[in-house]
């Protein structure tokens, strides 16, 4: 009897150790690990319903990954070669992004209600493969059963290309990074005081003039008066933007464009000065910060311009949401502008804050007429919130709480936990120049998107969370990767994994493997202290 007991104890301990080696990030909802492994070989095939184009594409992406990093590829839908099975089952009582993954002596099966679930199952399978490179790596996958589903519907990462432009190739790579960790929203910040980055065919001067600045400040803008004397610019054609949308969609990521208004519009006003309160002249900003020059809220030409711009934006981006900014809009010019003051009087508004609310509501109504909904930074709460607007809460969590209590959907992205442009160490001398602040991996991991101030009914308005990568001090793709990694891994666990499964000590252990995988993928990341 004692022998049997100790044998069972050894088996349990062995299974536990195997479980520790399953280093999937974000941590799945439910995992059961068993002793043994299935090895992928040249006789292992990928089988699925050949009539389903989405599954065919997912299998092709997986094969591309194997070819790139393991110098191997698996036969697809060949008779007798079905070691990996991708199955859709619409009767599953799971969400569209959920999946079941089973590995045993027969092979690997991934089952889901919708293709998105299959895709996320494949991402987990990739992380179950050994971290190595080359044709001689045995591709052994631990026996396991996984049932997994996301906690939040909005799992986002933002990238500001207004301050610094990044090539299409890197935007695709950035999207790949989101997909690796089951993030599903790419918030693309396309316009700024320092540059307009999207081609608008009706207004060619936006790319001829607004996409370029004469020079760029050197060092920290709060201290430096030195400029590099070099012109800087770049933009994305509509075809390039559409290509990025297609690329993201194939990875189950929605691209949400942001066209800033009424503030952060100095670059646009440089090309079209008649849309400002003073008529200009204006100049694309060469330093960081916020310009006092904003779109005139009193002129009808402003709204006609923005509606025409949004018409083209909606043709490029099929997303349900269009982000219209609404943040950091100085009211100095509005206070002096006869047109803006007339608008306040005619619309019976109390002040310039309500004028901004009028501006946002009017844009929202137009986008609603096109079947879209708006997202704005939490300043859109000032002066009264537009009826169907979604609030992105960045100035702490108060804006998100206020919006949820008013029954508005909310995306939490507070600077305290979600601003990846902040330093990753308190010893800033050893880090690349950043805007300021300190945001460690552990702080990101500790974030809870649902504020305790919300009641059970109010909590349902929190759609999820998002990290923001502002690029004033991120001039290169290499540095963009550095600021994103490894914090993106902590974000992924915040928005995907069950709250009661989060454990930073366990996360750190799994990250030891993930750092090796980042090396394998050639990612420039901040090394562990």
Protein backbone atom coordinates (compact mmCIF):
# COMPACT_ATOMS: atom_id res chain seq x y z
CA UNK A 1 0.00 0.00 0.00
CA UNK A 2 2.85 2.34 0.90
CA UNK A 3 4.60 1.53 -2.37
CA UNK A 4 1.45 2.38 -4.31
CA UNK A 5 1.08 5.64 -2.41
CA UNK A 6 4.67 6.70 -3.09
CA UNK A 7 4.33 5.70 -6.75
CA UNK A 8 1.26 7.90 -7.11
CA UNK A 9 3.09 10.70 -5.30
CA UNK A 10 6.02 10.46 -7.74
CA UNK A 11 3.69 10.51 -10.73
CA UNK A 12 1.89 13.57 -9.35
CA UNK A 13 5.22 15.32 -8.74
CA UNK A 14 6.40 14.43 -12.24
CA UNK A 15 3.19 15.80 -13.76
CA UNK A 16 3.58 18.97 -11.70
CA UNK A 17 7.11 19.49 -13.01
CA UNK A 18 5.94 18.99 -16.56
CA UNK A 19 3.23 21.54 -15.91
CA UNK A 20 5.84 24.04 -14.86
CA UNK A 21 7.48 23.70 -18.28
CA UNK A 22 4.31 24.78 -20.09
CA UNK A 23 5.18 28.46 -20.43
CA UNK A 24 2.31 29.87 -22.46
CA UNK A 25 1.79 33.65 -22.26
CA UNK A 26 -0.89 34.80 -21.67
CA UNK A 27 -1.67 32.05 -19.17
CA UNK A 28 -4.60 29.90 -20.38
CA UNK A 29 -7.84 29.62 -18.44
CA UNK A 30 -7.52 25.89 -17.78
CA UNK A 31 -4.51 23.60 -18.29
CA UNK A 32 -4.01 19.93 -17.56
CA UNK A 33 -0.54 18.54 -18.32
CA UNK A 34 0.41 14.86 -18.57
CA UNK A 35 3.67 12.96 -18.88
CA UNK A 36 4.84 12.38 -22.42
CA UNK A 37 5.08 14.34 -25.64
CA UNK A 38 4.11 14.24 -29.29
CA UNK A 39 6.86 14.96 -31.82
CA UNK A 40 6.25 16.79 -35.08
CA UNK A 41 8.08 15.17 -37.98
CA UNK A 42 8.04 14.99 -41.77
CA UNK A 43 5.19 12.50 -41.53
CA UNK A 44 3.10 14.88 -39.42
CA UNK A 45 0.46 16.67 -41.45
CA UNK A 46 -2.02 19.47 -40.82
CA UNK A 47 -5.63 18.54 -41.57
CA UNK A 48 -8.69 20.78 -41.77
CA UNK A 49 -11.76 21.44 -43.89
CA UNK A 50 -10.14 22.31 -47.21
CA UNK A 51 -13.15 24.41 -48.23
CA UNK A 52 -12.51 26.84 -45.35
CA UNK A 53 -10.20 29.62 -46.57
CA UNK A 54 -9.59 30.94 -43.05
CA UNK A 55 -8.26 27.59 -41.80
CA UNK A 56 -6.12 27.23 -44.90
CA UNK A 57 -4.57 30.62 -44.21
CA UNK A 58 -3.96 29.80 -40.51
CA UNK A 59 -2.24 26.55 -41.50
CA UNK A 60 -0.10 28.40 -44.03
CA UNK A 61 0.95 30.97 -41.42
CA UNK A 62 1.92 28.18 -39.01
CA UNK A 63 3.96 26.47 -41.71
CA UNK A 64 5.70 29.75 -42.49
CA UNK A 65 6.63 30.05 -38.82
CA UNK A 66 8.02 26.50 -38.77
CA UNK A 67 9.96 27.13 -41.98
CA UNK A 68 11.46 30.37 -40.68
CA UNK A 69 12.52 29.27 -37.21
CA UNK A 70 12.84 25.48 -37.44
CA UNK A 71 13.69 25.02 -41.13
CA UNK A 72 10.81 22.62 -41.60
CA UNK A 73 7.29 22.61 -43.01
CA UNK A 74 4.43 20.15 -42.61
CA UNK A 75 2.33 18.59 -45.38
CA UNK A 76 -1.18 19.99 -45.52
CA UNK A 77 -4.28 17.79 -45.95
CA UNK A 78 -2.40 14.79 -47.30
CA UNK A 79 -4.02 11.42 -46.78
CA UNK A 80 -2.75 9.67 -43.68
CA UNK A 81 -0.83 12.69 -42.48
CA UNK A 82 -3.08 14.32 -39.92
CA UNK A 83 -0.97 14.77 -36.81
CA UNK A 84 -2.34 18.31 -36.31
CA UNK A 85 -6.08 18.69 -36.68
CA UNK A 86 -7.87 22.05 -36.92
CA UNK A 87 -11.60 21.69 -36.37
CA UNK A 88 -14.49 24.14 -36.28
CA UNK A 89 -17.49 23.20 -34.15
CA UNK A 90 -20.19 25.86 -34.12
CA UNK A 91 -22.13 24.02 -31.41
CA UNK A 92 -19.40 24.58 -28.80
CA UNK A 93 -20.58 26.63 -25.83
CA UNK A 94 -17.56 28.91 -26.14
CA UNK A 95 -16.96 32.40 -27.47
CA UNK A 96 -15.55 33.02 -30.95
CA UNK A 97 -12.05 33.67 -29.58
CA UNK A 98 -11.95 30.60 -27.31
CA UNK A 99 -10.35 27.26 -28.17
CA UNK A 100 -9.69 23.72 -26.98
CA UNK A 101 -6.21 22.29 -27.52
CA UNK A 102 -5.38 18.63 -26.91
CA UNK A 103 -2.00 16.93 -27.28
CA UNK A 104 -1.69 13.16 -26.85
CA UNK A 105 -0.01 10.18 -28.49
CA UNK A 106 -2.35 10.48 -31.49
CA UNK A 107 -1.33 14.04 -32.24
CA UNK A 108 -2.56 17.60 -31.71
CA UNK A 109 -6.10 18.85 -32.10
CA UNK A 110 -7.32 22.44 -31.91
CA UNK A 111 -11.08 22.92 -31.82
CA UNK A 112 -12.97 26.19 -31.77
CA UNK A 113 -16.31 27.73 -32.60
CA UNK A 114 -14.77 30.24 -35.05
CA UNK A 115 -11.48 30.67 -36.93
CA UNK A 116 -10.26 33.25 -34.40
CA UNK A 117 -10.20 30.53 -31.76
CA UNK A 118 -8.19 28.25 -34.03
CA UNK A 119 -5.73 31.08 -34.62
CA UNK A 120 -5.25 31.64 -30.89
CA UNK A 121 -4.84 27.91 -30.35
CA UNK A 122 -2.01 27.97 -32.89
CA UNK A 123 -0.33 30.81 -30.96
CA UNK A 124 -0.36 28.63 -27.86
CA UNK A 125 0.99 25.69 -29.86
CA UNK A 126 3.89 27.83 -31.06
CA UNK A 127 4.79 28.55 -27.44
CA UNK A 128 4.62 24.83 -26.63
CA UNK A 129 7.36 24.14 -29.18
CA UNK A 130 10.96 24.09 -27.92
CA UNK A 131 12.88 27.33 -28.02
CA UNK A 132 15.59 26.53 -30.52
CA UNK A 133 16.49 27.26 -34.09
CA UNK A 134 17.33 25.10 -37.05
CA UNK A 135 16.46 21.84 -38.78
CA UNK A 136 17.89 19.59 -36.06
CA UNK A 137 15.57 20.77 -33.29
CA UNK A 138 13.23 17.94 -32.13
CA UNK A 139 9.75 19.49 -32.22
CA UNK A 140 8.29 17.84 -29.14
CA UNK A 141 5.02 19.11 -27.66
CA UNK A 142 4.05 18.15 -24.12
CA UNK A 143 0.86 16.12 -23.66
CA UNK A 144 -1.77 18.56 -22.40
CA UNK A 145 -5.41 19.60 -22.45
CA UNK A 146 -6.11 23.33 -22.65
CA UNK A 147 -9.41 25.15 -22.50
CA UNK A 148 -8.85 28.84 -23.03
CA UNK A 149 -10.85 32.02 -23.47
CA UNK A 150 -10.15 35.75 -23.17
CA UNK A 151 -11.27 37.77 -20.20
CA UNK A 152 -11.82 41.01 -22.15
CA UNK A 153 -13.08 41.77 -25.65
CA UNK A 154 -10.73 44.75 -26.18
CA UNK A 155 -7.07 43.75 -25.95
CA UNK A 156 -5.17 46.57 -27.55
CA UNK A 157 -1.83 48.16 -28.29
CA UNK A 158 -1.42 51.63 -29.75
CA UNK A 159 1.35 53.08 -31.91
CA UNK A 160 1.92 56.78 -32.56
CA UNK A 161 3.33 57.33 -36.04
CA UNK A 162 2.69 61.09 -35.98
CA UNK A 163 5.83 61.96 -34.05
CA UNK A 164 7.96 59.33 -35.78
CA UNK A 165 7.09 57.45 -38.95
CA UNK A 166 7.65 53.70 -39.18
CA UNK A 167 7.79 51.74 -42.45
CA UNK A 168 5.04 49.38 -43.56
CA UNK A 169 7.32 46.40 -42.94
CA UNK A 170 7.62 47.33 -39.27
CA UNK A 171 3.89 48.00 -38.90
CA UNK A 172 3.32 44.42 -40.08
CA UNK A 173 5.93 43.13 -37.65
CA UNK A 174 4.24 45.13 -34.87
CA UNK A 175 0.94 43.48 -35.75
CA UNK A 176 2.67 40.08 -35.61
CA UNK A 177 3.82 40.91 -32.08
CA UNK A 178 0.23 41.62 -31.02
CA UNK A 179 -0.96 38.38 -32.60
CA UNK A 180 1.72 36.34 -30.74
CA UNK A 181 0.11 37.27 -27.44
CA UNK A 182 -3.55 37.07 -28.52
CA UNK A 183 -4.07 40.84 -28.59
CA UNK A 184 -6.80 41.82 -31.04
CA UNK A 185 -6.76 45.60 -31.54
CA UNK A 186 -4.14 47.83 -33.18
CA UNK A 187 -4.84 51.49 -32.42
CA UNK A 188 -3.02 53.42 -35.16
CA UNK A 189 -2.42 57.06 -34.19
CA UNK A 190 -2.06 58.67 -37.62
CA UNK A 191 -2.16 62.45 -37.17
CA UNK A 192 -0.38 64.89 -34.88
CA UNK A 193 0.94 68.43 -34.50
CA UNK A 194 4.27 67.05 -35.74
CA UNK A 195 3.02 65.16 -38.78
CA UNK A 196 0.02 63.88 -40.76
CA UNK A 197 0.65 60.33 -41.95
CA UNK A 198 -2.34 59.19 -44.03
CA UNK A 199 -3.02 59.98 -47.69
CA UNK A 200 -6.35 61.78 -48.18
CA UNK A 201 -6.97 62.09 -51.90
CA UNK A 202 -9.36 65.01 -51.63
CA UNK A 203 -6.73 67.00 -49.72
CA UNK A 204 -3.31 66.26 -51.30
CA UNK A 205 -1.56 68.99 -49.32
CA UNK A 206 -1.89 66.81 -46.21
CA UNK A 207 0.80 64.54 -47.62
CA UNK A 208 2.64 67.19 -49.64
CA UNK A 209 3.00 69.61 -46.71
CA UNK A 210 1.57 68.27 -43.44
CA UNK A 211 3.54 65.03 -43.45
CA UNK A 212 6.90 66.83 -43.21
CA UNK A 213 8.57 69.01 -40.60
CA UNK A 214 11.65 71.14 -41.16
CA UNK A 215 13.66 69.65 -38.30
CA UNK A 216 13.33 67.88 -34.96
CA UNK A 217 14.33 68.84 -31.44
CA UNK A 218 17.40 67.03 -30.08
CA UNK A 219 17.21 65.72 -26.52
CA UNK A 220 14.33 66.24 -24.14
CA UNK A 221 11.96 68.95 -25.35
CA UNK A 222 11.51 70.33 -21.81
CA UNK A 223 15.21 71.17 -21.65
CA UNK A 224 16.60 71.38 -25.18
CA UNK A 225 16.77 74.28 -27.60
CA UNK A 226 18.91 72.33 -30.05
CA UNK A 227 17.51 71.07 -33.38
CA UNK A 228 18.98 68.60 -35.84
CA UNK A 229 18.46 70.79 -38.93
CA UNK A 230 17.19 67.84 -40.97
CA UNK A 231 13.80 67.60 -42.63
CA UNK A 232 11.71 64.66 -41.48
CA UNK A 233 8.57 63.06 -42.85
CA UNK A 234 6.69 60.17 -44.36
CA UNK A 235 3.15 58.96 -44.92
CA UNK A 236 1.13 55.88 -45.80
CA UNK A 237 -0.72 55.72 -49.10
CA UNK A 238 -4.28 54.50 -48.98
CA UNK A 239 -3.21 51.26 -50.67
CA UNK A 240 -0.54 50.72 -48.02
CA UNK A 241 -3.08 51.34 -45.26
CA UNK A 242 -5.52 48.89 -46.86
CA UNK A 243 -2.72 46.32 -47.12
CA UNK A 244 -2.03 46.72 -43.40
CA UNK A 245 -5.74 46.31 -42.62
CA UNK A 246 -5.80 43.08 -44.65
CA UNK A 247 -2.61 41.83 -43.00
CA UNK A 248 -4.04 42.51 -39.54
CA UNK A 249 -7.38 40.89 -40.35
CA UNK A 250 -5.59 37.67 -41.32
CA UNK A 251 -4.21 37.70 -37.77
CA UNK A 252 -7.61 38.49 -36.19
CA UNK A 253 -6.61 42.04 -35.32
CA UNK A 254 -8.80 45.06 -35.94
CA UNK A 255 -7.04 48.27 -36.98
CA UNK A 256 -8.65 51.29 -35.34
CA UNK A 257 -7.43 54.55 -36.95
CA UNK A 258 -7.11 57.78 -35.00
CA UNK A 259 -7.59 61.13 -36.70
CA UNK A 260 -7.00 63.80 -34.07
CA UNK A 261 -9.51 66.63 -33.57
CA UNK A 262 -10.07 69.37 -32.58
CA UNK A 263 -6.57 69.61 -31.06
CA UNK A 264 -3.23 68.14 -32.16
CA UNK A 265 -4.01 69.56 -35.60
CA UNK A 266 -1.17 71.99 -36.27
CA UNK A 267 0.23 69.87 -39.12
CA UNK A 268 -3.13 69.84 -40.92
CA UNK A 269 -3.54 73.60 -40.43
CA UNK A 270 -0.13 74.19 -42.02
CA UNK A 271 -1.54 72.85 -45.28
CA UNK A 272 -5.04 74.30 -44.86
CA UNK A 273 -4.69 77.45 -42.70
CA UNK A 274 -8.25 78.57 -43.41
CA UNK A 275 -9.45 75.85 -41.01
CA UNK A 276 -7.82 77.56 -38.01
CA UNK A 277 -9.15 80.43 -35.95
CA UNK A 278 -6.51 82.94 -37.08
CA UNK A 279 -5.96 81.83 -40.67
CA UNK A 280 -2.28 81.26 -40.01
CA UNK A 281 0.37 81.04 -41.16
CA UNK A 282 1.05 77.78 -39.33
CA UNK A 283 4.05 75.47 -39.21
CA UNK A 284 4.32 71.73 -38.58
CA UNK A 285 5.72 71.54 -35.05
CA UNK A 286 9.41 70.68 -34.73
CA UNK A 287 9.41 70.08 -30.98
CA UNK A 288 7.24 67.90 -28.75
CA UNK A 289 4.30 69.12 -26.78
CA UNK A 290 0.86 70.54 -27.53
CA UNK A 291 0.16 73.38 -29.96
CA UNK A 292 -2.38 76.09 -29.16
CA UNK A 293 -3.36 76.09 -32.84
CA UNK A 294 -6.44 73.89 -33.20
CA UNK A 295 -9.29 73.41 -35.64
CA UNK A 296 -11.77 76.28 -35.54
CA UNK A 297 -15.05 75.06 -34.08
CA UNK A 298 -16.95 78.07 -35.41
CA UNK A 299 -16.36 77.58 -39.14
CA UNK A 300 -18.50 75.30 -41.25
CA UNK A 301 -15.49 74.70 -43.49
CA UNK A 302 -13.83 72.83 -40.62
CA UNK A 303 -16.63 70.30 -40.36
CA UNK A 304 -16.86 69.90 -44.12
CA UNK A 305 -13.12 69.18 -44.25
CA UNK A 306 -13.26 66.65 -41.42
CA UNK A 307 -16.31 64.92 -42.84
CA UNK A 308 -14.56 64.55 -46.20
CA UNK A 309 -11.46 63.20 -44.47
CA UNK A 310 -13.54 60.73 -42.47
CA UNK A 311 -15.31 59.57 -45.63
CA UNK A 312 -11.99 58.37 -46.99
CA UNK A 313 -10.90 56.99 -43.61
CA UNK A 314 -14.06 54.88 -43.44
CA UNK A 315 -13.38 53.51 -46.92
CA UNK A 316 -9.90 52.38 -45.84
CA UNK A 317 -10.73 51.07 -42.37
CA UNK A 318 -13.76 48.78 -41.92
CA UNK A 319 -13.50 48.89 -38.11
CA UNK A 320 -16.63 49.54 -36.07
CA UNK A 321 -14.77 52.27 -34.19
CA UNK A 322 -13.03 55.41 -35.42
CA UNK A 323 -10.88 57.21 -32.84
CA UNK A 324 -11.24 60.98 -33.06
CA UNK A 325 -8.85 62.00 -30.27
CA UNK A 326 -10.51 64.87 -28.42
CA UNK A 327 -7.64 65.25 -25.96
CA UNK A 328 -5.40 68.15 -24.98
CA UNK A 329 -7.27 70.82 -26.90
CA UNK A 330 -6.23 74.28 -25.66
CA UNK A 331 -9.12 76.74 -25.76
CA UNK A 332 -7.01 79.92 -26.06
CA UNK A 333 -7.78 80.57 -29.73
CA UNK A 334 -11.46 79.68 -29.31
CA UNK A 335 -11.79 82.30 -26.57
CA UNK A 336 -10.52 85.00 -28.95
CA UNK A 337 -12.14 83.73 -32.15
CA UNK A 338 -15.30 85.59 -33.29
CA UNK A 339 -16.52 82.50 -35.16
CA UNK A 340 -16.16 80.26 -32.14
CA UNK A 341 -17.81 82.80 -29.84
CA UNK A 342 -20.69 83.14 -32.30
CA UNK A 343 -21.07 79.35 -32.31
CA UNK A 344 -21.23 79.33 -28.51
CA UNK A 345 -23.92 81.99 -28.59
CA UNK A 346 -25.94 80.48 -31.44
CA UNK A 347 -25.91 76.99 -29.92
CA UNK A 348 -26.61 78.36 -26.41
CA UNK A 349 -23.45 76.78 -25.00
CA UNK A 350 -22.06 77.75 -21.61
CA UNK A 351 -18.37 77.95 -22.50
CA UNK A 352 -15.52 76.60 -24.60
CA UNK A 353 -15.70 73.21 -22.88
CA UNK A 354 -19.25 72.81 -24.11
CA UNK A 355 -18.05 74.00 -27.51
CA UNK A 356 -15.69 71.03 -27.57
CA UNK A 357 -18.57 68.77 -26.61
CA UNK A 358 -20.58 70.27 -29.50
CA UNK A 359 -17.66 69.56 -31.81
CA UNK A 360 -17.37 65.92 -30.71
CA UNK A 361 -21.12 65.32 -30.78
CA UNK A 362 -21.34 66.69 -34.31
CA UNK A 363 -18.53 64.45 -35.54
CA UNK A 364 -20.08 61.49 -33.72
CA UNK A 365 -23.44 62.09 -35.39
CA UNK A 366 -21.75 62.12 -38.79
CA UNK A 367 -19.84 58.91 -38.15
CA UNK A 368 -22.98 57.28 -36.78
CA UNK A 369 -24.68 58.09 -40.07
CA UNK A 370 -21.99 55.98 -41.73
CA UNK A 371 -22.55 53.08 -39.35
CA UNK A 372 -19.51 53.81 -37.18
CA UNK A 373 -18.97 54.69 -33.53
CA UNK A 374 -16.42 57.04 -32.02
CA UNK A 375 -13.77 56.59 -29.39
CA UNK A 376 -12.20 59.58 -27.69
CA UNK A 377 -9.69 60.21 -24.93
CA UNK A 378 -11.30 61.00 -21.59
CA UNK A 379 -11.33 64.77 -22.24
CA UNK A 380 -14.47 64.17 -24.31
CA UNK A 381 -16.24 63.91 -20.95
CA UNK A 382 -15.73 67.64 -20.46
CA UNK A 383 -18.78 69.69 -21.30
CA UNK A 384 -21.01 66.62 -21.60
CA UNK A 385 -20.34 63.26 -23.22
CA UNK A 386 -21.53 62.46 -26.73
CA UNK A 387 -24.39 59.91 -26.45
CA UNK A 388 -22.80 56.81 -28.00
CA UNK A 389 -19.14 57.57 -27.44
CA UNK A 390 -16.61 55.14 -26.02
CA UNK A 391 -14.13 56.68 -23.59
CA UNK A 392 -10.46 55.78 -23.53
CA UNK A 393 -9.41 56.60 -19.97
CA UNK A 394 -5.77 57.76 -19.90
CA UNK A 395 -5.61 60.42 -17.17
CA UNK A 396 -5.82 57.78 -14.46
CA UNK A 397 -9.04 55.82 -14.02
CA UNK A 398 -11.52 58.53 -12.98
CA UNK A 399 -12.63 59.18 -16.54
CA UNK A 400 -13.33 55.51 -17.07
CA UNK A 401 -15.29 55.28 -13.83
CA UNK A 402 -17.37 58.36 -14.69
CA UNK A 403 -18.11 57.07 -18.19
CA UNK A 404 -19.09 53.57 -16.99
CA UNK A 405 -21.42 55.06 -14.38
CA UNK A 406 -23.08 56.97 -17.22
CA UNK A 407 -23.42 53.63 -19.09
CA UNK A 408 -20.77 54.39 -21.71
CA UNK A 409 -18.34 51.74 -22.83
CA UNK A 410 -14.79 52.24 -21.57
CA UNK A 411 -11.27 51.18 -22.52
CA UNK A 412 -8.81 51.53 -19.67
CA UNK A 413 -5.37 52.87 -20.56
CA UNK A 414 -4.10 54.88 -17.57
CA UNK A 415 -0.66 56.44 -17.79
CA UNK A 416 0.27 54.88 -14.45
CA UNK A 417 0.16 51.34 -15.87
CA UNK A 418 -0.33 51.40 -19.64
CA UNK A 419 2.06 54.02 -21.05
CA UNK A 420 4.92 52.11 -22.64
CA UNK A 421 6.79 55.31 -23.51
CA UNK A 422 7.82 55.55 -19.85
CA UNK A 423 11.19 54.39 -18.56
CA UNK A 424 11.62 50.71 -17.66
CA UNK A 425 14.11 51.47 -14.90
CA UNK A 426 14.50 54.10 -12.20
CA UNK A 427 18.13 54.34 -13.28
CA UNK A 428 17.30 56.43 -16.34
CA UNK A 429 20.96 57.01 -17.22
CA UNK A 430 21.17 53.39 -18.36
CA UNK A 431 17.97 53.57 -20.43
CA UNK A 432 17.22 55.19 -23.81
CA UNK A 433 15.87 58.74 -23.52
CA UNK A 434 12.15 58.63 -22.72
CA UNK A 435 9.39 61.14 -22.02
CA UNK A 436 9.63 60.43 -18.28
CA UNK A 437 7.90 58.33 -15.66
CA UNK A 438 8.75 54.77 -14.63
CA UNK A 439 6.73 51.73 -15.62
CA UNK A 440 8.11 48.35 -14.64
CA UNK A 441 7.04 44.95 -15.89
CA UNK A 442 5.57 44.16 -12.48
CA UNK A 443 3.53 47.39 -12.43
CA UNK A 444 2.01 46.57 -15.81
CA UNK A 445 1.23 43.05 -14.60
CA UNK A 446 -0.42 44.36 -11.43
CA UNK A 447 -3.02 46.38 -13.31
CA UNK A 448 -6.68 45.48 -12.83
CA UNK A 449 -8.84 47.00 -15.62
CA UNK A 450 -12.10 46.93 -13.66
CA UNK A 451 -12.07 49.66 -10.99
CA UNK A 452 -13.40 48.57 -7.60
CA UNK A 453 -15.59 51.69 -7.55
CA UNK A 454 -17.88 50.15 -10.18
CA UNK A 455 -20.90 48.06 -9.27
CA UNK A 456 -21.48 44.65 -10.81
CA UNK A 457 -23.79 46.12 -13.43
CA UNK A 458 -21.39 48.98 -14.24
CA UNK A 459 -18.42 46.64 -14.70
CA UNK A 460 -19.86 45.29 -17.95
CA UNK A 461 -19.11 48.64 -19.63
CA UNK A 462 -15.35 48.07 -19.29
CA UNK A 463 -14.43 46.59 -22.67
CA UNK A 464 -10.82 45.93 -21.73
CA UNK A 465 -7.46 47.67 -21.64
CA UNK A 466 -4.77 48.95 -23.97
CA UNK A 467 -1.11 49.94 -23.86
CA UNK A 468 -0.01 53.15 -25.57
CA UNK A 469 3.32 53.68 -27.33
CA UNK A 470 3.84 57.41 -27.90
CA UNK A 471 6.94 58.03 -30.01
CA UNK A 472 8.31 61.49 -29.23
CA UNK A 473 11.45 59.76 -27.97
CA UNK A 474 11.20 56.57 -30.02
CA UNK A 475 12.86 57.41 -33.36
CA UNK A 476 13.64 53.87 -34.55
CA UNK A 477 12.04 50.47 -34.96
CA UNK A 478 14.70 48.98 -32.70
CA UNK A 479 13.77 51.33 -29.87
CA UNK A 480 10.04 50.76 -30.47
CA UNK A 481 10.63 47.05 -29.88
CA UNK A 482 12.65 47.81 -26.76
CA UNK A 483 9.84 49.88 -25.26
CA UNK A 484 7.23 47.26 -26.16
CA UNK A 485 9.09 44.18 -24.90
CA UNK A 486 8.73 42.57 -22.45
CA UNK A 487 5.88 44.75 -21.14
CA UNK A 488 3.54 43.54 -23.90
CA UNK A 489 3.67 40.09 -22.26
CA UNK A 490 2.38 41.49 -18.96
CA UNK A 491 -0.34 43.39 -20.81
CA UNK A 492 -1.43 40.21 -22.57
CA UNK A 493 -1.95 38.45 -19.27
CA UNK A 494 -3.87 41.43 -17.86
CA UNK A 495 -6.43 41.37 -20.65
CA UNK A 496 -6.62 37.65 -21.45
CA UNK A 497 -6.02 35.52 -18.36
CA UNK A 498 -8.53 34.97 -15.55
CA UNK A 499 -8.01 37.39 -12.69
CA UNK A 500 -7.68 34.59 -10.14
CA UNK A 501 -4.96 32.86 -12.21
CA UNK A 502 -2.61 35.83 -12.21
CA UNK A 503 0.60 35.34 -10.23
CA UNK A 504 3.62 37.52 -10.92
CA UNK A 505 6.14 35.01 -9.52
CA UNK A 506 4.75 32.34 -11.84
CA UNK A 507 4.70 34.84 -14.71
CA UNK A 508 8.39 35.65 -14.15
CA UNK A 509 9.28 31.95 -14.33
CA UNK A 510 7.41 31.60 -17.62
CA UNK A 511 9.09 34.77 -18.89
CA UNK A 512 12.51 33.11 -18.59
CA UNK A 513 11.47 30.91 -21.51
CA UNK A 514 9.85 33.82 -23.32
CA UNK A 515 13.10 35.81 -23.22
CA UNK A 516 14.77 32.92 -25.02
CA UNK A 517 11.96 32.94 -27.57
CA UNK A 518 12.47 36.68 -28.11
CA UNK A 519 16.12 35.91 -28.83
CA UNK A 520 15.02 33.25 -31.30
CA UNK A 521 12.72 35.76 -33.02
CA UNK A 522 15.39 38.46 -33.10
CA UNK A 523 13.40 40.91 -30.99
CA UNK A 524 15.19 43.81 -29.31
CA UNK A 525 13.87 43.67 -25.74
CA UNK A 526 14.86 45.04 -22.37
CA UNK A 527 16.85 42.38 -20.61
CA UNK A 528 15.82 41.11 -17.21
CA UNK A 529 17.50 42.91 -14.29
